[in-house]
Every structure is written in structure tokens, then in C-alpha cells.
């Protein structure tokens, strides 16, 4: 899968970038930008495309995500339920991951 870019419209800068890194043991979906609105569906489609990974671990790396909408947590919960791993680098996104994994109470 090549890099995919989603933007608000022609001439608008991309606010979401999705790319895939493959290794013998895992396939990683790298998500950068805002995980909100129509971009949630883009990530869902990319996640679905990883279904044929040949038994490798499936990882969604949210280290480049700058915003996670409440609606996006539904998708993240689905990814966890489908044995996907979520990774993040910053405190805010790690807290969201803990929340969707059931390790932290939902604040709202």
C-alpha cells in the first residue's frame, strides 16, 4: 500500500497522511495528522486493507496524530478488538489508547 493523503479539498493541504511499513513480523499503519471527521473513514479503510497480512502483527502507529476526535475512539476500540496494537509517543495520545483499551476511565 502506498502513502495515502486526504485533504479538505483541491488546493487544501493534506490534514491526514496514512502510510504502511512492512517487516517480516508486523505490518504498521502510520497515521499522521488529525483523526476526525471524514479522515476516520480513511483510516478505517486502510485498517481493513491490512486484513491480509499473513498472520503478522498489525500495528497502528498514532505517534504523528495531532488530534483524536471522540468519534475516532470507536474505530480505535474496533482495532483493539480485532487484535490490533496501538502505539503513540505523546502523553495525550497514550492516554487515549489506555482509555480505548479499558485501562483508563472515559473522561466524557
Protein backbone atom coordinates (compact mmCIF):
# COMPACT_ATOMS: atom_id res chain seq x y z
CA UNK A 1 0.00 0.00 0.00
CA UNK A 2 1.41 3.38 -0.93
CA UNK A 3 1.12 6.56 1.07
CA UNK A 4 -2.38 7.99 1.05
CA UNK A 5 -3.18 11.62 1.61
CA UNK A 6 -6.57 13.08 2.45
CA UNK A 7 -7.30 16.79 2.30
CA UNK A 8 -10.23 19.14 2.75
CA UNK A 9 -10.45 19.82 -0.96
CA UNK A 10 -8.50 20.79 -4.05
CA UNK A 11 -5.71 23.18 -3.17
CA UNK A 12 -6.07 22.46 0.56
CA UNK A 13 -3.15 20.98 2.44
CA UNK A 14 -3.42 17.34 3.49
CA UNK A 15 -4.50 17.03 7.10
CA UNK A 16 -4.09 13.27 7.20
CA UNK A 17 -1.34 11.02 5.93
CA UNK A 18 -1.53 7.25 6.03
CA UNK A 19 1.40 5.03 5.12
CA UNK A 20 2.33 1.41 5.65
CA UNK A 21 5.62 -0.09 6.85
CA UNK A 22 6.08 -3.82 6.42
CA UNK A 23 8.51 -6.11 8.18
CA UNK A 24 8.66 -9.90 8.44
CA UNK A 25 6.85 -9.88 11.80
CA UNK A 26 4.50 -6.93 11.55
CA UNK A 27 2.71 -4.52 9.30
CA UNK A 28 2.38 -0.98 10.66
CA UNK A 29 -0.14 1.64 9.63
CA UNK A 30 1.43 5.06 10.24
CA UNK A 31 -1.18 7.76 10.76
CA UNK A 32 -0.22 11.44 10.81
CA UNK A 33 -2.48 14.45 11.23
CA UNK A 34 -6.00 14.81 12.60
CA UNK A 35 -8.09 11.72 13.25
CA UNK A 36 -11.52 13.29 12.89
CA UNK A 37 -14.45 13.71 10.51
CA UNK A 38 -14.08 12.00 7.14
CA UNK A 39 -10.49 11.05 7.95
CA UNK A 40 -11.76 8.42 10.39
CA UNK A 41 -13.24 6.54 7.43
CA UNK A 42 -9.93 6.78 5.57
CA UNK A 43 -8.10 5.15 8.47
CA UNK A 44 -10.84 2.51 8.74
CA UNK A 45 -10.41 1.64 5.05
CA UNK A 46 -6.64 1.43 5.44
CA UNK A 47 -7.04 -0.79 8.51
CA UNK A 48 -9.41 -3.09 6.62
CA UNK A 49 -6.84 -3.40 3.83
CA UNK A 50 -4.38 -4.85 6.36
CA UNK A 51 -6.63 -7.88 6.90
CA UNK A 52 -4.49 -10.00 4.55
CA UNK A 53 -1.25 -9.63 6.49
CA UNK A 54 -0.44 -13.33 6.56
CA UNK A 55 -0.59 -13.72 10.32
CA UNK A 56 1.76 -10.83 11.07
CA UNK A 57 1.10 -8.42 13.92
CA UNK A 58 -0.99 -5.42 12.88
CA UNK A 59 0.04 -2.13 14.44
CA UNK A 60 -1.45 1.34 14.15
CA UNK A 61 1.16 3.96 15.00
CA UNK A 62 -0.55 7.17 16.14
CA UNK A 63 2.70 8.97 17.02
CA UNK A 64 2.09 11.54 14.27
CA UNK A 65 -1.54 12.21 15.23
CA UNK A 66 -2.21 15.73 16.47
CA UNK A 67 -5.91 15.37 17.33
CA UNK A 68 -8.25 12.45 18.05
CA UNK A 69 -11.99 13.17 17.87
CA UNK A 70 -14.36 11.37 20.24
CA UNK A 71 -15.88 9.57 17.22
CA UNK A 72 -12.45 8.16 16.32
CA UNK A 73 -12.32 6.26 19.61
CA UNK A 74 -14.99 3.89 18.26
CA UNK A 75 -12.63 2.91 15.43
CA UNK A 76 -9.70 2.57 17.82
CA UNK A 77 -11.77 0.25 20.03
CA UNK A 78 -12.62 -1.85 16.95
CA UNK A 79 -8.93 -2.07 16.04
CA UNK A 80 -8.09 -3.29 19.56
CA UNK A 81 -10.99 -5.79 19.42
CA UNK A 82 -9.55 -7.13 16.14
CA UNK A 83 -6.18 -7.81 17.83
CA UNK A 84 -4.58 -4.64 16.54
CA UNK A 85 -1.89 -2.87 18.53
CA UNK A 86 -1.98 0.89 19.06
CA UNK A 87 1.23 2.85 19.59
CA UNK A 88 1.78 6.52 20.44
CA UNK A 89 4.61 8.76 21.53
CA UNK A 90 2.95 11.67 23.31
CA UNK A 91 1.13 11.68 26.65
CA UNK A 92 -2.26 12.75 25.24
CA UNK A 93 -2.43 10.01 22.62
CA UNK A 94 -1.13 7.37 25.04
CA UNK A 95 -3.94 8.36 27.44
CA UNK A 96 -6.48 7.92 24.63
CA UNK A 97 -5.03 4.48 23.85
CA UNK A 98 -5.29 3.50 27.53
CA UNK A 99 -8.91 4.69 27.51
CA UNK A 100 -9.93 2.67 24.42
CA UNK A 101 -8.14 -0.40 25.80
CA UNK A 102 -10.17 -0.08 29.00
CA UNK A 103 -7.19 0.80 31.17
CA UNK A 104 -8.41 4.33 31.92
CA UNK A 105 -11.96 5.62 32.53
CA UNK A 106 -13.65 7.58 29.74
CA UNK A 107 -13.45 11.26 30.78
CA UNK A 108 -16.59 12.28 29.00
